[in-house]
Amino acid sequence: MQLTRREVASLFFLTLVAGASRLGAKALPTISPTDLVAILKKPASPQPLIIQVGFKSMFDQAHIPGSEYMGPGANSTGLGLLRQRLATLKKDAFIVLYCGCCPLDDCPNVKPAEALVTSMGFTNTKMLLIPQNFGADWVAKGYPTQKAK
């Protein structure tokens, strides 16, 4: 029996989540859009590395200025790119992860990314708190955005 790409991705995701659960991993703390914007407006404060782990079409339409696109956290390619990027950082680097396709609690992309960051031992990572989606919780509120070039 041969599995489809979607089935392989689903099994990979479930394995990551189960592994994180067995390790007693806790959910990453969140940061509100308001708090993140305040940090971004203070160049003297430590600036986070902001990583978008969602869909390319969303990133191309509008993303947080300076954020980096790693690919969807729900697939192995996106997680591989995220792992490579994280490997270049110190474990206490200030990192903010976000997707924005849907409410944070339901997002298929942030949970695997969260599990990866946690498993790699990062200690200063936050999830952007998105109760609805990036459009409603960031763009519609007039927070700064950038389009892909």
Foldseek 3Di string as FASTA:
>chain_A
DDDDQLVVLVVVLVVLLVVCVVVVHDFFAADEPVRLLVQVVDPVHQHAAEEAQEDPVVQQVKDAPNHHYQYFQSHPSSLVSLVVVCVVDDLAGAYEYEHFPFFPVPDNRVSSVRSSNVVVRRDRYHYYGDGGGCCVRAVVVPHDIDHDD
